[in-house]
């Protein structure tokens, strides 16, 4: 359980190509990350990007779903300290993906909710399984945030409807919008993500790092600042008691966004 990274030097068939690092998240049962998990993920992605032999990072997850957001049970048990930790941890993990020195390919299976949207919305490319679904159930969980990242996946008006209703969209729908690169059977997800990462990693490593910095530099939205602005309203919802009222009526799955 936790976050692990592989840096294959002499890959065998079915393993990542040389120059590709794979960061795997594994927090059973649904990959709802505790505070420490978000910071561990941020550290792993940043470290992989700093590795001079790495030219592409694949971000993946074990289990039936990619990410179910933050661990709401932890928030309920620890209160404001956990909320502050989760907000900071999410911000760092999302930023680590965006600011990673090399391109990041997200391999998404099953559910990708809440904080998962922050991760994939900041990735450079997304490969998804046919059963993958994406959404921000924040309003159902007493939280706000990651509209910044959902807006990178779908057009503005669709983002608003999805946000206000907590509806999800399928991988096929995101593929139609151009934000998902490929949709494949779940059994082929790992292979498809590694194929794309391997194609990217075949380029010159130094030029790839310059390309990543250049593309980030021309983004019209500062994603770190934009998300931090959103987080202020999450704190307001908590200070006014709105969040607690909603969480008290939320089902006890222990997951959130």
C-alpha atoms as a PDB file:
ATOM      1  CA  UNK A   1       0.000   0.000   0.000  1.00  0.00           C
ATOM      2  CA  UNK A   2       1.265   3.481  -0.849  1.00  0.00           C
ATOM      3  CA  UNK A   3       3.087   5.027  -3.808  1.00  0.00           C
ATOM      4  CA  UNK A   4       5.814   3.184  -5.695  1.00  0.00           C
ATOM      5  CA  UNK A   5       8.058   4.052  -8.631  1.00  0.00           C
ATOM      6  CA  UNK A   6       9.859   1.815 -11.099  1.00  0.00           C
ATOM      7  CA  UNK A   7      12.868   2.894 -13.165  1.00  0.00           C
ATOM      8  CA  UNK A   8      13.684  -0.041 -15.460  1.00  0.00           C
ATOM      9  CA  UNK A   9      17.227   0.012 -16.828  1.00  0.00           C
ATOM     10  CA  UNK A  10      16.979  -3.086 -19.008  1.00  0.00           C
ATOM     11  CA  UNK A  11      13.275  -3.565 -19.682  1.00  0.00           C
ATOM     12  CA  UNK A  12      11.811  -6.907 -20.620  1.00  0.00           C
ATOM     13  CA  UNK A  13       8.783  -7.386 -22.911  1.00  0.00           C
ATOM     14  CA  UNK A  14       5.705  -5.830 -21.333  1.00  0.00           C
ATOM     15  CA  UNK A  15       7.765  -3.583 -19.041  1.00  0.00           C
ATOM     16  CA  UNK A  16       8.237   0.175 -19.403  1.00  0.00           C
ATOM     17  CA  UNK A  17      10.704   1.289 -22.060  1.00  0.00           C
ATOM     18  CA  UNK A  18      14.038   2.668 -21.012  1.00  0.00           C
ATOM     19  CA  UNK A  19      13.516   6.317 -20.204  1.00  0.00           C
ATOM     20  CA  UNK A  20      10.007   5.732 -18.816  1.00  0.00           C
ATOM     21  CA  UNK A  21       9.281   5.814 -15.083  1.00  0.00           C
ATOM     22  CA  UNK A  22       6.030   4.384 -13.733  1.00  0.00           C
ATOM     23  CA  UNK A  23       4.504   5.867 -10.571  1.00  0.00           C
ATOM     24  CA  UNK A  24       1.804   3.600  -9.120  1.00  0.00           C
ATOM     25  CA  UNK A  25      -0.715   4.618  -6.459  1.00  0.00           C
ATOM     26  CA  UNK A  26      -2.178   1.880  -4.272  1.00  0.00           C
ATOM     27  CA  UNK A  27      -4.444   2.826  -1.357  1.00  0.00           C
ATOM     28  CA  UNK A  28      -7.110   0.093  -1.011  1.00  0.00           C
ATOM     29  CA  UNK A  29      -9.976  -0.245  -1.256  1.00  0.00           C
ATOM     30  CA  UNK A  30     -10.769   2.675  -3.600  1.00  0.00           C
ATOM     31  CA  UNK A  31      -7.638   4.835  -3.789  1.00  0.00           C
ATOM     32  CA  UNK A  32      -9.101   7.568  -1.598  1.00  0.00           C
ATOM     33  CA  UNK A  33      -5.834   9.126  -0.476  1.00  0.00           C
ATOM     34  CA  UNK A  34      -5.036  10.216   3.077  1.00  0.00           C
ATOM     35  CA  UNK A  35      -3.087  13.423   3.618  1.00  0.00           C
ATOM     36  CA  UNK A  36       0.248  11.605   3.627  1.00  0.00           C
ATOM     37  CA  UNK A  37      -0.665   9.834   0.394  1.00  0.00           C
ATOM     38  CA  UNK A  38      -1.032  13.083  -1.534  1.00  0.00           C
ATOM     39  CA  UNK A  39       2.366  14.319  -0.390  1.00  0.00           C
ATOM     40  CA  UNK A  40       3.943  10.937  -1.166  1.00  0.00           C
ATOM     41  CA  UNK A  41       2.490  11.060  -4.660  1.00  0.00           C
ATOM     42  CA  UNK A  42       3.825  14.582  -5.183  1.00  0.00           C
ATOM     43  CA  UNK A  43       7.301  13.532  -4.044  1.00  0.00           C
ATOM     44  CA  UNK A  44       7.303  10.450  -6.280  1.00  0.00           C
ATOM     45  CA  UNK A  45       6.303  12.344  -9.430  1.00  0.00           C
ATOM     46  CA  UNK A  46       8.806  15.137  -8.811  1.00  0.00           C
ATOM     47  CA  UNK A  47      11.604  12.663  -8.103  1.00  0.00           C
ATOM     48  CA  UNK A  48      10.815  10.691 -11.256  1.00  0.00           C
ATOM     49  CA  UNK A  49      10.925  13.877 -13.328  1.00  0.00           C
ATOM     50  CA  UNK A  50      14.283  14.895 -11.854  1.00  0.00           C
ATOM     51  CA  UNK A  51      15.846  11.542 -12.773  1.00  0.00           C
ATOM     52  CA  UNK A  52      18.099  12.470 -15.713  1.00  0.00           C
ATOM     53  CA  UNK A  53      17.521   9.186 -17.538  1.00  0.00           C
ATOM     54  CA  UNK A  54      13.730   9.589 -17.426  1.00  0.00           C
ATOM     55  CA  UNK A  55      12.034  11.210 -20.404  1.00  0.00           C
ATOM     56  CA  UNK A  56       8.399  10.379 -19.625  1.00  0.00           C
ATOM     57  CA  UNK A  57       6.425   9.407 -16.515  1.00  0.00           C
ATOM     58  CA  UNK A  58       3.375   7.135 -16.483  1.00  0.00           C
ATOM     59  CA  UNK A  59       1.013   7.778 -13.576  1.00  0.00           C
ATOM     60  CA  UNK A  60      -1.125   4.751 -12.826  1.00  0.00           C
ATOM     61  CA  UNK A  61      -3.042   3.140  -9.974  1.00  0.00           C
ATOM     62  CA  UNK A  62      -3.669  -0.350  -8.665  1.00  0.00           C
ATOM     63  CA  UNK A  63      -7.151  -1.661  -7.953  1.00  0.00           C
ATOM     64  CA  UNK A  64     -10.576  -1.155  -9.451  1.00  0.00           C
ATOM     65  CA  UNK A  65     -10.392   2.622  -9.802  1.00  0.00           C
ATOM     66  CA  UNK A  66      -7.787   5.266 -10.539  1.00  0.00           C
ATOM     67  CA  UNK A  67      -8.650   7.701  -7.749  1.00  0.00           C
ATOM     68  CA  UNK A  68     -11.610   8.441  -5.472  1.00  0.00           C
ATOM     69  CA  UNK A  69     -10.358  11.752  -4.117  1.00  0.00           C
ATOM     70  CA  UNK A  70      -9.522  12.460  -0.487  1.00  0.00           C
ATOM     71  CA  UNK A  71     -10.204  10.176   2.449  1.00  0.00           C
ATOM     72  CA  UNK A  72     -13.364  11.696   3.962  1.00  0.00           C
ATOM     73  CA  UNK A  73     -13.153   9.427   7.010  1.00  0.00           C
ATOM     74  CA  UNK A  74      -9.837  11.060   7.832  1.00  0.00           C
ATOM     75  CA  UNK A  75     -11.430  14.503   7.472  1.00  0.00           C
ATOM     76  CA  UNK A  76     -14.312  13.527   9.735  1.00  0.00           C
ATOM     77  CA  UNK A  77     -11.989  12.059  12.363  1.00  0.00           C
ATOM     78  CA  UNK A  78      -9.349  14.795  12.439  1.00  0.00           C
ATOM     79  CA  UNK A  79     -11.288  17.909  11.479  1.00  0.00           C
ATOM     80  CA  UNK A  80      -9.603  21.114  10.369  1.00  0.00           C
ATOM     81  CA  UNK A  81      -6.039  19.804  10.618  1.00  0.00           C
ATOM     82  CA  UNK A  82      -6.829  17.055   8.110  1.00  0.00           C
ATOM     83  CA  UNK A  83      -8.659  19.529   5.868  1.00  0.00           C
ATOM     84  CA  UNK A  84      -5.654  21.834   5.755  1.00  0.00           C
ATOM     85  CA  UNK A  85      -3.375  18.859   5.126  1.00  0.00           C
ATOM     86  CA  UNK A  86      -5.582  17.463   2.365  1.00  0.00           C
ATOM     87  CA  UNK A  87      -5.859  20.821   0.635  1.00  0.00           C
ATOM     88  CA  UNK A  88      -2.115  21.352   0.731  1.00  0.00           C
ATOM     89  CA  UNK A  89      -1.416  17.759  -0.269  1.00  0.00           C
ATOM     90  CA  UNK A  90      -3.785  17.891  -3.230  1.00  0.00           C
ATOM     91  CA  UNK A  91      -2.310  21.191  -4.361  1.00  0.00           C
ATOM     92  CA  UNK A  92       1.195  19.718  -4.230  1.00  0.00           C
ATOM     93  CA  UNK A  93       0.242  16.502  -6.031  1.00  0.00           C
ATOM     94  CA  UNK A  94      -1.595  18.336  -8.802  1.00  0.00           C
ATOM     95  CA  UNK A  95       1.283  20.789  -9.186  1.00  0.00           C
ATOM     96  CA  UNK A  96       3.840  17.974  -9.216  1.00  0.00           C
ATOM     97  CA  UNK A  97       2.128  16.418 -12.229  1.00  0.00           C
ATOM     98  CA  UNK A  98       1.884  19.732 -14.038  1.00  0.00           C
ATOM     99  CA  UNK A  99       5.400  20.880 -13.150  1.00  0.00           C
ATOM    100  CA  UNK A 100       7.084  17.505 -13.682  1.00  0.00           C
ATOM    101  CA  UNK A 101      10.175  18.160 -15.781  1.00  0.00           C
ATOM    102  CA  UNK A 102       9.083  15.602 -18.381  1.00  0.00           C
ATOM    103  CA  UNK A 103       5.683  14.727 -19.884  1.00  0.00           C
ATOM    104  CA  UNK A 104       3.270  12.740 -17.709  1.00  0.00           C
ATOM    105  CA  UNK A 105       0.885  10.154 -19.172  1.00  0.00           C
ATOM    106  CA  UNK A 106      -2.049   9.231 -16.910  1.00  0.00           C
ATOM    107  CA  UNK A 107      -3.370   5.657 -17.267  1.00  0.00           C
ATOM    108  CA  UNK A 108      -6.928   5.694 -15.935  1.00  0.00           C
ATOM    109  CA  UNK A 109      -9.202   2.759 -15.143  1.00  0.00           C
ATOM    110  CA  UNK A 110     -12.573   2.685 -13.418  1.00  0.00           C
ATOM    111  CA  UNK A 111     -13.529   5.770 -11.436  1.00  0.00           C
ATOM    112  CA  UNK A 112     -11.564   9.010 -11.540  1.00  0.00           C
ATOM    113  CA  UNK A 113     -13.240  11.372  -9.090  1.00  0.00           C
ATOM    114  CA  UNK A 114     -12.457  14.541  -7.177  1.00  0.00           C
ATOM    115  CA  UNK A 115      -8.717  14.672  -6.678  1.00  0.00           C
ATOM    116  CA  UNK A 116      -8.313  12.250  -9.560  1.00  0.00           C
ATOM    117  CA  UNK A 117      -9.559  15.001 -11.881  1.00  0.00           C
ATOM    118  CA  UNK A 118      -6.871  17.283 -10.491  1.00  0.00           C
ATOM    119  CA  UNK A 119      -4.230  14.717 -11.400  1.00  0.00           C
ATOM    120  CA  UNK A 120      -5.388  13.839 -14.909  1.00  0.00           C
ATOM    121  CA  UNK A 121      -6.383  17.404 -15.724  1.00  0.00           C
ATOM    122  CA  UNK A 122      -2.764  18.415 -15.127  1.00  0.00           C
ATOM    123  CA  UNK A 123      -1.277  15.449 -17.010  1.00  0.00           C
ATOM    124  CA  UNK A 124       0.139  15.864 -20.499  1.00  0.00           C
ATOM    125  CA  UNK A 125      -1.844  12.950 -21.923  1.00  0.00           C
ATOM    126  CA  UNK A 126      -4.531  10.520 -20.781  1.00  0.00           C
ATOM    127  CA  UNK A 127      -5.030   6.911 -21.814  1.00  0.00           C
ATOM    128  CA  UNK A 128      -8.195   5.386 -20.374  1.00  0.00           C
ATOM    129  CA  UNK A 129      -9.909   2.030 -20.153  1.00  0.00           C
ATOM    130  CA  UNK A 130     -13.373   1.605 -21.614  1.00  0.00           C
ATOM    131  CA  UNK A 131     -14.902   1.468 -18.132  1.00  0.00           C
ATOM    132  CA  UNK A 132     -13.295   4.717 -16.962  1.00  0.00           C
ATOM    133  CA  UNK A 133     -15.568   7.505 -15.709  1.00  0.00           C
ATOM    134  CA  UNK A 134     -14.586  11.027 -14.713  1.00  0.00           C
ATOM    135  CA  UNK A 135     -16.344  13.467 -12.419  1.00  0.00           C
ATOM    136  CA  UNK A 136     -16.318  15.978  -9.586  1.00  0.00           C
ATOM    137  CA  UNK A 137     -18.811  14.963  -6.876  1.00  0.00           C
ATOM    138  CA  UNK A 138     -17.583  17.868  -4.734  1.00  0.00           C
ATOM    139  CA  UNK A 139     -20.973  19.450  -4.110  1.00  0.00           C
ATOM    140  CA  UNK A 140     -22.248  16.100  -2.823  1.00  0.00           C
ATOM    141  CA  UNK A 141     -19.267  15.824  -0.464  1.00  0.00           C
ATOM    142  CA  UNK A 142     -19.321  19.264   1.135  1.00  0.00           C
ATOM    143  CA  UNK A 143     -16.270  20.424  -0.803  1.00  0.00           C
ATOM    144  CA  UNK A 144     -15.249  22.567  -3.764  1.00  0.00           C
ATOM    145  CA  UNK A 145     -12.266  22.594  -6.092  1.00  0.00           C
ATOM    146  CA  UNK A 146     -10.679  21.087  -9.231  1.00  0.00           C
ATOM    147  CA  UNK A 147     -12.983  22.969 -11.596  1.00  0.00           C
ATOM    148  CA  UNK A 148      -9.656  24.364 -12.795  1.00  0.00           C
ATOM    149  CA  UNK A 149      -8.675  20.881 -13.932  1.00  0.00           C
ATOM    150  CA  UNK A 150     -12.063  19.738 -15.220  1.00  0.00           C
ATOM    151  CA  UNK A 151     -12.028  22.813 -17.467  1.00  0.00           C
ATOM    152  CA  UNK A 152      -8.915  21.378 -19.103  1.00  0.00           C
ATOM    153  CA  UNK A 153     -10.865  18.251 -20.069  1.00  0.00           C
ATOM    154  CA  UNK A 154     -14.206  19.601 -21.339  1.00  0.00           C
ATOM    155  CA  UNK A 155     -15.615  22.862 -22.737  1.00  0.00           C
ATOM    156  CA  UNK A 156     -16.625  25.545 -20.260  1.00  0.00           C
ATOM    157  CA  UNK A 157     -20.386  25.135 -20.234  1.00  0.00           C
ATOM    158  CA  UNK A 158     -20.148  21.363 -19.959  1.00  0.00           C
ATOM    159  CA  UNK A 159     -17.714  21.789 -17.083  1.00  0.00           C
ATOM    160  CA  UNK A 160     -20.280  23.926 -15.252  1.00  0.00           C
ATOM    161  CA  UNK A 161     -23.087  21.425 -15.723  1.00  0.00           C
ATOM    162  CA  UNK A 162     -20.902  18.529 -14.585  1.00  0.00           C
ATOM    163  CA  UNK A 163     -19.746  20.523 -11.567  1.00  0.00           C
ATOM    164  CA  UNK A 164     -23.207  21.676 -10.486  1.00  0.00           C
ATOM    165  CA  UNK A 165     -24.826  18.258 -10.958  1.00  0.00           C
ATOM    166  CA  UNK A 166     -21.942  15.982  -9.833  1.00  0.00           C
ATOM    167  CA  UNK A 167     -22.521  13.928 -12.982  1.00  0.00           C
ATOM    168  CA  UNK A 168     -19.743  11.864 -14.533  1.00  0.00           C
ATOM    169  CA  UNK A 169     -18.618  11.458 -18.122  1.00  0.00           C
ATOM    170  CA  UNK A 170     -17.170   8.395 -19.812  1.00  0.00           C
ATOM    171  CA  UNK A 171     -13.738   7.939 -21.334  1.00  0.00           C
ATOM    172  CA  UNK A 172     -15.400   7.762 -24.758  1.00  0.00           C
ATOM    173  CA  UNK A 173     -17.021  11.165 -24.207  1.00  0.00           C
ATOM    174  CA  UNK A 174     -13.704  12.720 -23.209  1.00  0.00           C
ATOM    175  CA  UNK A 175     -12.071  11.101 -26.224  1.00  0.00           C
ATOM    176  CA  UNK A 176     -14.648  12.857 -28.388  1.00  0.00           C
ATOM    177  CA  UNK A 177     -13.624  16.164 -26.797  1.00  0.00           C
ATOM    178  CA  UNK A 178      -9.968  15.393 -27.516  1.00  0.00           C
ATOM    179  CA  UNK A 179      -8.800  15.278 -23.903  1.00  0.00           C
ATOM    180  CA  UNK A 180      -8.317  11.494 -23.781  1.00  0.00           C
ATOM    181  CA  UNK A 181      -5.743  10.188 -26.254  1.00  0.00           C
ATOM    182  CA  UNK A 182      -6.921   6.560 -26.461  1.00  0.00           C
ATOM    183  CA  UNK A 183      -9.685   4.402 -25.011  1.00  0.00           C
ATOM    184  CA  UNK A 184      -8.828   0.715 -24.741  1.00  0.00           C
ATOM    185  CA  UNK A 185     -10.094  -2.421 -22.985  1.00  0.00           C
ATOM    186  CA  UNK A 186      -8.943  -2.499 -19.366  1.00  0.00           C
ATOM    187  CA  UNK A 187      -6.686  -5.462 -20.083  1.00  0.00           C
ATOM    188  CA  UNK A 188      -4.774  -3.319 -22.602  1.00  0.00           C
ATOM    189  CA  UNK A 189      -4.517  -0.118 -20.543  1.00  0.00           C
ATOM    190  CA  UNK A 190      -1.020  -0.642 -19.179  1.00  0.00           C
ATOM    191  CA  UNK A 191       0.328  -1.589 -22.586  1.00  0.00           C
ATOM    192  CA  UNK A 192      -1.312   1.370 -24.336  1.00  0.00           C
ATOM    193  CA  UNK A 193       0.008   3.863 -21.788  1.00  0.00           C
ATOM    194  CA  UNK A 194       3.514   2.434 -22.045  1.00  0.00           C
ATOM    195  CA  UNK A 195       3.375   2.571 -25.840  1.00  0.00           C
ATOM    196  CA  UNK A 196       2.577   6.276 -25.807  1.00  0.00           C
ATOM    197  CA  UNK A 197       5.173   6.942 -23.107  1.00  0.00           C
ATOM    198  CA  UNK A 198       7.751   4.980 -25.068  1.00  0.00           C
ATOM    199  CA  UNK A 199       7.062   7.009 -28.202  1.00  0.00           C
ATOM    200  CA  UNK A 200       7.541  10.225 -26.226  1.00  0.00           C
ATOM    201  CA  UNK A 201      10.642   8.888 -24.471  1.00  0.00           C
ATOM    202  CA  UNK A 202      12.269   8.166 -27.844  1.00  0.00           C
ATOM    203  CA  UNK A 203      12.817  11.914 -28.253  1.00  0.00           C
ATOM    204  CA  UNK A 204      15.878  13.753 -26.974  1.00  0.00           C
ATOM    205  CA  UNK A 205      15.555  14.092 -23.211  1.00  0.00           C
ATOM    206  CA  UNK A 206      16.910  17.626 -22.903  1.00  0.00           C
ATOM    207  CA  UNK A 207      14.712  18.901 -25.718  1.00  0.00           C
ATOM    208  CA  UNK A 208      11.675  17.226 -24.127  1.00  0.00           C
ATOM    209  CA  UNK A 209      12.338  19.094 -20.885  1.00  0.00           C
ATOM    210  CA  UNK A 210      12.535  22.368 -22.773  1.00  0.00           C
ATOM    211  CA  UNK A 211       9.330  21.499 -24.633  1.00  0.00           C
ATOM    212  CA  UNK A 212       7.472  20.779 -21.366  1.00  0.00           C
ATOM    213  CA  UNK A 213       8.594  24.095 -19.871  1.00  0.00           C
ATOM    214  CA  UNK A 214       7.670  25.962 -23.049  1.00  0.00           C
ATOM    215  CA  UNK A 215       4.187  24.456 -23.275  1.00  0.00           C
ATOM    216  CA  UNK A 216       3.486  25.162 -19.604  1.00  0.00           C
ATOM    217  CA  UNK A 217       4.692  28.709 -20.143  1.00  0.00           C
ATOM    218  CA  UNK A 218       2.073  29.452 -22.803  1.00  0.00           C
ATOM    219  CA  UNK A 219      -0.882  28.022 -20.844  1.00  0.00           C
ATOM    220  CA  UNK A 220      -3.601  30.681 -20.558  1.00  0.00           C
ATOM    221  CA  UNK A 221      -4.441  29.700 -16.945  1.00  0.00           C
ATOM    222  CA  UNK A 222      -2.032  29.487 -14.023  1.00  0.00           C
ATOM    223  CA  UNK A 223      -3.343  26.169 -12.705  1.00  0.00           C
ATOM    224  CA  UNK A 224      -1.653  26.386  -9.308  1.00  0.00           C
ATOM    225  CA  UNK A 225      -3.025  29.855  -8.555  1.00  0.00           C
ATOM    226  CA  UNK A 226      -6.443  29.034 -10.021  1.00  0.00           C
ATOM    227  CA  UNK A 227      -6.836  25.911  -7.885  1.00  0.00           C
ATOM    228  CA  UNK A 228      -5.624  27.732  -4.780  1.00  0.00           C
ATOM    229  CA  UNK A 229      -8.338  30.345  -5.364  1.00  0.00           C
ATOM    230  CA  UNK A 230     -10.952  27.575  -5.493  1.00  0.00           C
ATOM    231  CA  UNK A 231      -9.659  26.104  -2.256  1.00  0.00           C
ATOM    232  CA  UNK A 232     -10.505  29.302  -0.406  1.00  0.00           C
ATOM    233  CA  UNK A 233     -14.185  28.547  -0.914  1.00  0.00           C
ATOM    234  CA  UNK A 234     -13.700  25.053   0.500  1.00  0.00           C
ATOM    235  CA  UNK A 235     -12.416  26.647   3.694  1.00  0.00           C
ATOM    236  CA  UNK A 236     -15.380  29.007   3.723  1.00  0.00           C
ATOM    237  CA  UNK A 237     -17.793  26.082   3.398  1.00  0.00           C
ATOM    238  CA  UNK A 238     -16.094  24.413   6.359  1.00  0.00           C
ATOM    239  CA  UNK A 239     -15.948  27.501   8.549  1.00  0.00           C
ATOM    240  CA  UNK A 240     -19.647  28.179   8.048  1.00  0.00           C
ATOM    241  CA  UNK A 241     -20.674  24.586   8.810  1.00  0.00           C
ATOM    242  CA  UNK A 242     -21.995  23.893   5.313  1.00  0.00           C
ATOM    243  CA  UNK A 243     -19.452  21.158   4.657  1.00  0.00           C
ATOM    244  CA  UNK A 244     -20.141  19.303   7.919  1.00  0.00           C
ATOM    245  CA  UNK A 245     -23.882  19.375   7.259  1.00  0.00           C
ATOM    246  CA  UNK A 246     -23.415  17.789   3.840  1.00  0.00           C
ATOM    247  CA  UNK A 247     -20.817  15.243   4.986  1.00  0.00           C
ATOM    248  CA  UNK A 248     -23.113  14.112   7.782  1.00  0.00           C
ATOM    249  CA  UNK A 249     -25.672  13.047   5.176  1.00  0.00           C
ATOM    250  CA  UNK A 250     -23.098  11.538   2.847  1.00  0.00           C
ATOM    251  CA  UNK A 251     -22.963   7.737   2.531  1.00  0.00           C
ATOM    252  CA  UNK A 252     -20.245   6.078   4.551  1.00  0.00           C
ATOM    253  CA  UNK A 253     -17.985   4.902   1.769  1.00  0.00           C
ATOM    254  CA  UNK A 254     -15.174   7.011   3.212  1.00  0.00           C
ATOM    255  CA  UNK A 255     -14.247   8.611  -0.097  1.00  0.00           C
ATOM    256  CA  UNK A 256     -14.526  12.076  -1.454  1.00  0.00           C
ATOM    257  CA  UNK A 257     -13.026  14.677  -3.741  1.00  0.00           C
END
